[in-house]
Amino acid sequence: QGAIHDIGLLCGSSPDVPVSPSSKKKLYKIYRYLNLTHVLCLKSFSASLRDMKFETDYVHKLGLLTEDEAILVSSMENKARDGMLTLLAHTMGELLNETRMADTSSQRMVLNQKICDLR
C-alpha cells in the first residue's frame, strides 16, 4: 500500500499548474491502474475479489478498466498484475513527458523503483 500511495503522490504532484486536460486524463488512468493493482495484490486473500472477472466486474462494477483494457489484461492470465504494472509505467512515462518533470531523471528513477516495489 505504501508504494501505491507514493506513486499516487509523485504522479499527482508532477503536472504543471494549471493541469492540462491531457494530464488530467493520464492522472485518472494512473488512478484506475493503481486501484486495480491494489485489487490484484489482494485477490488471492479475498474470496469476493477472487471470483471477479475482468470483462464484467472490473469494467462495470468497479470502473477500473475500459472494455479494451479488460480484454488485454484478461489475456495475461496469471501475469495480469505484471501486465498492469507495465501499463502503469507506460502511462506514468507519458505523463512525465508532457510536464515540467520531463527532464528529471531522478523522479523517473524513484517512480520506476516504486513500480518494482509493487512486484
N, C-alpha and C. Protein backbone atom coordinates (compact mmCIF):
# COMPACT_ATOMS: atom_id res chain seq x y z
N GLN A 1 0.81 -1.19 0.00
CA GLN A 1 0.00 0.00 0.00
C GLN A 1 0.86 1.25 0.00
N GLY A 2 2.00 1.18 0.64
CA GLY A 2 2.88 2.35 0.71
C GLY A 2 3.41 2.75 -0.66
N ALA A 3 3.81 1.77 -1.46
CA ALA A 3 4.31 2.08 -2.80
C ALA A 3 3.21 2.67 -3.68
N ILE A 4 1.99 2.15 -3.54
CA ILE A 4 0.86 2.68 -4.30
C ILE A 4 0.62 4.14 -3.92
N HIS A 5 0.65 4.42 -2.64
CA HIS A 5 0.48 5.79 -2.15
C HIS A 5 1.59 6.70 -2.67
N ASP A 6 2.82 6.23 -2.60
CA ASP A 6 3.96 7.03 -3.07
C ASP A 6 3.82 7.36 -4.56
N ILE A 7 3.44 6.38 -5.36
CA ILE A 7 3.27 6.60 -6.80
C ILE A 7 2.18 7.64 -7.04
N GLY A 8 1.07 7.51 -6.32
CA GLY A 8 -0.01 8.48 -6.46
C GLY A 8 0.43 9.89 -6.13
N LEU A 9 1.18 10.05 -5.05
CA LEU A 9 1.67 11.37 -4.66
C LEU A 9 2.65 11.93 -5.69
N LEU A 10 3.58 11.12 -6.13
CA LEU A 10 4.58 11.58 -7.10
C LEU A 10 3.93 11.96 -8.43
N CYS A 11 3.01 11.14 -8.90
CA CYS A 11 2.34 11.45 -10.17
C CYS A 11 1.43 12.66 -10.04
N GLY A 12 0.71 12.73 -8.92
CA GLY A 12 -0.21 13.84 -8.71
C GLY A 12 0.48 15.18 -8.58
N SER A 13 1.73 15.17 -8.15
CA SER A 13 2.46 16.43 -8.00
C SER A 13 3.31 16.76 -9.22
N SER A 14 3.27 15.94 -10.24
CA SER A 14 4.11 16.15 -11.42
C SER A 14 3.60 17.16 -12.43
N PRO A 15 2.30 17.20 -12.72
CA PRO A 15 1.83 18.08 -13.81
C PRO A 15 2.02 19.56 -13.50
N ASP A 16 2.14 20.31 -14.59
CA ASP A 16 2.20 21.75 -14.47
C ASP A 16 0.83 22.27 -14.04
N VAL A 17 0.83 23.44 -13.40
CA VAL A 17 -0.42 24.08 -12.99
C VAL A 17 -0.63 25.29 -13.88
N PRO A 18 -1.79 25.45 -14.48
CA PRO A 18 -2.98 24.61 -14.37
C PRO A 18 -2.77 23.28 -15.10
N VAL A 19 -3.41 22.25 -14.60
CA VAL A 19 -3.27 20.91 -15.17
C VAL A 19 -4.03 20.84 -16.49
N SER A 20 -3.33 20.41 -17.52
CA SER A 20 -3.94 20.32 -18.86
C SER A 20 -4.95 19.18 -18.91
N PRO A 21 -5.91 19.25 -19.82
CA PRO A 21 -6.86 18.14 -19.98
C PRO A 21 -6.16 16.81 -20.27
N SER A 22 -5.10 16.85 -21.04
CA SER A 22 -4.35 15.63 -21.35
C SER A 22 -3.74 15.03 -20.08
N SER A 23 -3.16 15.87 -19.23
CA SER A 23 -2.57 15.38 -17.97
C SER A 23 -3.66 14.85 -17.05
N LYS A 24 -4.83 15.50 -17.02
CA LYS A 24 -5.93 15.01 -16.18
C LYS A 24 -6.35 13.61 -16.60
N LYS A 25 -6.41 13.37 -17.91
CA LYS A 25 -6.78 12.04 -18.40
C LYS A 25 -5.75 11.00 -17.98
N LYS A 26 -4.48 11.36 -18.09
CA LYS A 26 -3.43 10.42 -17.70
C LYS A 26 -3.45 10.17 -16.19
N LEU A 27 -3.69 11.20 -15.40
CA LEU A 27 -3.77 11.03 -13.96
C LEU A 27 -4.94 10.12 -13.58
N TYR A 28 -6.06 10.26 -14.25
CA TYR A 28 -7.20 9.40 -13.97
C TYR A 28 -6.89 7.94 -14.35
N LYS A 29 -6.19 7.77 -15.46
CA LYS A 29 -5.80 6.41 -15.87
C LYS A 29 -4.85 5.82 -14.83
N ILE A 30 -3.90 6.61 -14.35
CA ILE A 30 -2.96 6.14 -13.32
C ILE A 30 -3.73 5.77 -12.06
N TYR A 31 -4.70 6.59 -11.68
CA TYR A 31 -5.55 6.30 -10.52
C TYR A 31 -6.25 4.95 -10.68
N ARG A 32 -6.84 4.71 -11.86
CA ARG A 32 -7.53 3.44 -12.11
C ARG A 32 -6.55 2.27 -12.04
N TYR A 33 -5.39 2.43 -12.67
CA TYR A 33 -4.40 1.36 -12.70
C TYR A 33 -3.86 1.06 -11.30
N LEU A 34 -3.64 2.09 -10.50
CA LEU A 34 -3.16 1.87 -9.13
C LEU A 34 -4.20 1.12 -8.30
N ASN A 35 -5.46 1.50 -8.44
CA ASN A 35 -6.51 0.81 -7.70
C ASN A 35 -6.65 -0.64 -8.14
N LEU A 36 -6.56 -0.87 -9.44
CA LEU A 36 -6.65 -2.25 -9.93
C LEU A 36 -5.44 -3.07 -9.47
N THR A 37 -4.27 -2.47 -9.48
CA THR A 37 -3.08 -3.17 -8.99
C THR A 37 -3.28 -3.56 -7.53
N HIS A 38 -3.86 -2.67 -6.74
CA HIS A 38 -4.12 -2.98 -5.34
C HIS A 38 -5.11 -4.15 -5.22
N VAL A 39 -6.16 -4.12 -6.02
CA VAL A 39 -7.14 -5.22 -6.02
C VAL A 39 -6.45 -6.53 -6.39
N LEU A 40 -5.60 -6.50 -7.41
CA LEU A 40 -4.92 -7.72 -7.85
C LEU A 40 -3.97 -8.25 -6.78
N CYS A 41 -3.36 -7.35 -6.01
CA CYS A 41 -2.48 -7.79 -4.91
C CYS A 41 -3.28 -8.49 -3.81
N LEU A 42 -4.51 -8.06 -3.61
CA LEU A 42 -5.34 -8.63 -2.54
C LEU A 42 -6.21 -9.80 -3.00
N LYS A 43 -6.26 -10.02 -4.30
CA LYS A 43 -7.17 -11.01 -4.88
C LYS A 43 -7.04 -12.40 -4.27
N SER A 44 -5.83 -12.84 -4.03
CA SER A 44 -5.65 -14.20 -3.51
C SER A 44 -6.07 -14.33 -2.04
N PHE A 45 -6.26 -13.19 -1.36
CA PHE A 45 -6.65 -13.23 0.06
C PHE A 45 -8.14 -13.04 0.28
N SER A 46 -8.87 -12.70 -0.77
CA SER A 46 -10.28 -12.36 -0.61
C SER A 46 -11.15 -13.18 -1.57
N ALA A 47 -12.09 -13.91 -1.02
CA ALA A 47 -12.98 -14.73 -1.86
C ALA A 47 -13.82 -13.86 -2.80
N SER A 48 -14.27 -12.72 -2.32
CA SER A 48 -15.11 -11.86 -3.17
C SER A 48 -14.30 -11.26 -4.33
N LEU A 49 -13.04 -10.96 -4.10
CA LEU A 49 -12.19 -10.44 -5.18
C LEU A 49 -11.74 -11.56 -6.12
N ARG A 50 -11.50 -12.73 -5.55
CA ARG A 50 -11.01 -13.87 -6.33
C ARG A 50 -11.96 -14.26 -7.45
N ASP A 51 -13.25 -14.10 -7.21
CA ASP A 51 -14.26 -14.52 -8.18
C ASP A 51 -14.60 -13.45 -9.22
N MET A 52 -14.02 -12.27 -9.10
CA MET A 52 -14.35 -11.19 -10.04
C MET A 52 -13.72 -11.46 -11.41
N LYS A 53 -14.42 -11.05 -12.45
CA LYS A 53 -13.99 -11.25 -13.84
C LYS A 53 -13.60 -9.91 -14.45
N PHE A 54 -12.51 -9.91 -15.21
CA PHE A 54 -12.03 -8.68 -15.83
C PHE A 54 -13.08 -8.06 -16.75
N GLU A 55 -13.67 -8.88 -17.62
CA GLU A 55 -14.56 -8.36 -18.66
C GLU A 55 -15.85 -7.77 -18.10
N THR A 56 -16.27 -8.19 -16.93
CA THR A 56 -17.53 -7.69 -16.38
C THR A 56 -17.32 -6.87 -15.11
N ASP A 57 -16.79 -7.48 -14.08
CA ASP A 57 -16.69 -6.82 -12.78
C ASP A 57 -15.73 -5.63 -12.77
N TYR A 58 -14.55 -5.80 -13.34
CA TYR A 58 -13.57 -4.72 -13.30
C TYR A 58 -13.97 -3.56 -14.21
N VAL A 59 -14.79 -3.84 -15.22
CA VAL A 59 -15.25 -2.79 -16.13
C VAL A 59 -16.51 -2.14 -15.57
N HIS A 60 -17.54 -2.92 -15.32
CA HIS A 60 -18.86 -2.36 -14.99
C HIS A 60 -19.08 -2.14 -13.50
N LYS A 61 -18.66 -3.07 -12.66
CA LYS A 61 -18.89 -2.91 -11.22
C LYS A 61 -17.92 -1.89 -10.61
N LEU A 62 -16.64 -2.06 -10.91
CA LEU A 62 -15.62 -1.22 -10.27
C LEU A 62 -15.20 -0.02 -11.12
N GLY A 63 -15.39 -0.09 -12.42
CA GLY A 63 -15.00 1.01 -13.30
C GLY A 63 -13.50 1.23 -13.37
N LEU A 64 -12.73 0.18 -13.14
CA LEU A 64 -11.27 0.31 -13.13
C LEU A 64 -10.63 0.05 -14.49
N LEU A 65 -11.37 -0.54 -15.41
CA LEU A 65 -10.84 -0.82 -16.75
C LEU A 65 -11.86 -0.43 -17.81
N THR A 66 -11.35 -0.04 -18.96
CA THR A 66 -12.23 0.08 -20.12
C THR A 66 -12.42 -1.33 -20.68
N GLU A 67 -13.35 -1.50 -21.57
CA GLU A 67 -13.57 -2.83 -22.15
C GLU A 67 -12.33 -3.32 -22.89
N ASP A 68 -11.66 -2.43 -23.64
CA ASP A 68 -10.44 -2.82 -24.35
C ASP A 68 -9.33 -3.21 -23.38
N GLU A 69 -9.18 -2.46 -22.30
CA GLU A 69 -8.17 -2.78 -21.30
C GLU A 69 -8.47 -4.13 -20.65
N ALA A 70 -9.75 -4.40 -20.40
CA ALA A 70 -10.14 -5.67 -19.78
C ALA A 70 -9.77 -6.85 -20.68
N ILE A 71 -9.98 -6.72 -21.98
CA ILE A 71 -9.61 -7.79 -22.91
C ILE A 71 -8.10 -8.02 -22.86
N LEU A 72 -7.33 -6.93 -22.87
CA LEU A 72 -5.88 -7.04 -22.83
C LEU A 72 -5.41 -7.70 -21.54
N VAL A 73 -5.89 -7.21 -20.41
CA VAL A 73 -5.44 -7.73 -19.11
C VAL A 73 -5.90 -9.18 -18.91
N SER A 74 -7.11 -9.51 -19.31
CA SER A 74 -7.58 -10.89 -19.13
C SER A 74 -6.77 -11.87 -19.97
N SER A 75 -6.20 -11.42 -21.06
CA SER A 75 -5.38 -12.30 -21.89
C SER A 75 -4.04 -12.62 -21.23
N MET A 76 -3.69 -11.88 -20.19
CA MET A 76 -2.41 -12.08 -19.49
C MET A 76 -2.50 -13.17 -18.43
N GLU A 77 -3.72 -13.63 -18.16
CA GLU A 77 -3.99 -14.70 -17.20
C GLU A 77 -3.27 -14.48 -15.87
N ASN A 78 -2.36 -15.36 -15.48
CA ASN A 78 -1.72 -15.24 -14.17
C ASN A 78 -0.64 -14.16 -14.12
N LYS A 79 -0.42 -13.45 -15.19
CA LYS A 79 0.54 -12.34 -15.22
C LYS A 79 -0.17 -10.99 -15.32
N ALA A 80 -1.46 -10.96 -14.94
CA ALA A 80 -2.26 -9.73 -15.05
C ALA A 80 -1.66 -8.59 -14.24
N ARG A 81 -1.19 -8.89 -13.03
CA ARG A 81 -0.60 -7.82 -12.21
C ARG A 81 0.65 -7.25 -12.86
N ASP A 82 1.51 -8.11 -13.40
CA ASP A 82 2.71 -7.63 -14.08
C ASP A 82 2.34 -6.81 -15.32
N GLY A 83 1.31 -7.26 -16.02
CA GLY A 83 0.84 -6.50 -17.17
C GLY A 83 0.31 -5.14 -16.78
N MET A 84 -0.42 -5.08 -15.66
CA MET A 84 -0.93 -3.79 -15.18
C MET A 84 0.21 -2.87 -14.78
N LEU A 85 1.25 -3.42 -14.19
CA LEU A 85 2.39 -2.59 -13.81
C LEU A 85 3.08 -2.03 -15.05
N THR A 86 3.12 -2.80 -16.12
CA THR A 86 3.69 -2.30 -17.38
C THR A 86 2.84 -1.17 -17.94
N LEU A 87 1.51 -1.35 -17.95
CA LEU A 87 0.63 -0.29 -18.42
C LEU A 87 0.75 0.95 -17.54
N LEU A 88 0.88 0.75 -16.25
CA LEU A 88 1.04 1.85 -15.31
C LEU A 88 2.34 2.61 -15.59
N ALA A 89 3.44 1.89 -15.74
CA ALA A 89 4.74 2.53 -16.00
C ALA A 89 4.69 3.32 -17.31
N HIS A 90 4.06 2.76 -18.32
CA HIS A 90 3.95 3.45 -19.61
C HIS A 90 3.16 4.75 -19.47
N THR A 91 2.04 4.70 -18.77
CA THR A 91 1.22 5.89 -18.59
C THR A 91 1.93 6.94 -17.74
N MET A 92 2.67 6.50 -16.73
CA MET A 92 3.45 7.44 -15.93
C MET A 92 4.51 8.13 -16.79
N GLY A 93 5.15 7.37 -17.66
CA GLY A 93 6.14 7.96 -18.56
C GLY A 93 5.53 8.98 -19.49
N GLU A 94 4.33 8.67 -20.01
CA GLU A 94 3.63 9.63 -20.86
C GLU A 94 3.31 10.91 -20.10
N LEU A 95 2.87 10.77 -18.85
CA LEU A 95 2.56 11.93 -18.03
C LEU A 95 3.80 12.79 -17.81
N LEU A 96 4.90 12.15 -17.45
CA LEU A 96 6.13 12.91 -17.19
C LEU A 96 6.64 13.59 -18.45
N ASN A 97 6.45 12.98 -19.60
CA ASN A 97 6.92 13.57 -20.85
C ASN A 97 6.25 14.89 -21.17
N GLU A 98 5.05 15.10 -20.67
CA GLU A 98 4.34 16.33 -21.00
C GLU A 98 4.33 17.34 -19.86
N THR A 99 5.14 17.11 -18.83
CA THR A 99 5.16 18.02 -17.69
C THR A 99 6.54 18.64 -17.53
N ARG A 100 6.61 19.52 -16.56
CA ARG A 100 7.89 20.16 -16.26
C ARG A 100 8.94 19.16 -15.78
N MET A 101 8.48 17.96 -15.43
CA MET A 101 9.38 16.92 -14.94
C MET A 101 9.96 16.08 -16.08
N ALA A 102 9.71 16.48 -17.31
CA ALA A 102 10.12 15.67 -18.46
C ALA A 102 11.62 15.37 -18.46
N ASP A 103 12.42 16.29 -17.95
CA ASP A 103 13.87 16.10 -17.98
C ASP A 103 14.43 15.70 -16.62
N THR A 104 13.58 15.33 -15.69
CA THR A 104 14.02 14.98 -14.34
C THR A 104 14.17 13.47 -14.22
N SER A 105 15.38 13.01 -14.42
CA SER A 105 15.61 11.57 -14.36
C SER A 105 15.46 11.03 -12.94
N SER A 106 15.70 11.86 -11.92
CA SER A 106 15.58 11.38 -10.54
C SER A 106 14.13 10.99 -10.22
N GLN A 107 13.15 11.77 -10.70
CA GLN A 107 11.75 11.42 -10.46
C GLN A 107 11.41 10.13 -11.18
N ARG A 108 11.91 9.97 -12.40
CA ARG A 108 11.66 8.74 -13.15
C ARG A 108 12.25 7.54 -12.43
N MET A 109 13.46 7.71 -11.89
CA MET A 109 14.10 6.60 -11.19
C MET A 109 13.30 6.21 -9.95
N VAL A 110 12.83 7.20 -9.19
CA VAL A 110 12.05 6.91 -7.98
C VAL A 110 10.75 6.20 -8.36
N LEU A 111 10.06 6.70 -9.39
CA LEU A 111 8.80 6.07 -9.82
C LEU A 111 9.03 4.64 -10.30
N ASN A 112 10.11 4.43 -11.05
CA ASN A 112 10.41 3.07 -11.52
C ASN A 112 10.71 2.14 -10.34
N GLN A 113 11.40 2.65 -9.32
CA GLN A 113 11.68 1.83 -8.15
C GLN A 113 10.39 1.49 -7.41
N LYS A 114 9.48 2.44 -7.33
CA LYS A 114 8.20 2.19 -6.67
C LYS A 114 7.38 1.15 -7.43
N ILE A 115 7.45 1.17 -8.75
CA ILE A 115 6.79 0.15 -9.56
C ILE A 115 7.39 -1.23 -9.23
N CYS A 116 8.71 -1.28 -9.14
CA CYS A 116 9.37 -2.56 -8.80
C CYS A 116 8.96 -3.03 -7.40
N ASP A 117 8.74 -2.08 -6.49
CA ASP A 117 8.33 -2.44 -5.13
C ASP A 117 6.95 -3.10 -5.10
N LEU A 118 6.13 -2.83 -6.11
CA LEU A 118 4.80 -3.43 -6.17
C LEU A 118 4.85 -4.90 -6.60
N ARG A 119 5.94 -5.36 -7.14
CA ARG A 119 6.06 -6.75 -7.56
C ARG A 119 6.20 -7.59 -6.36
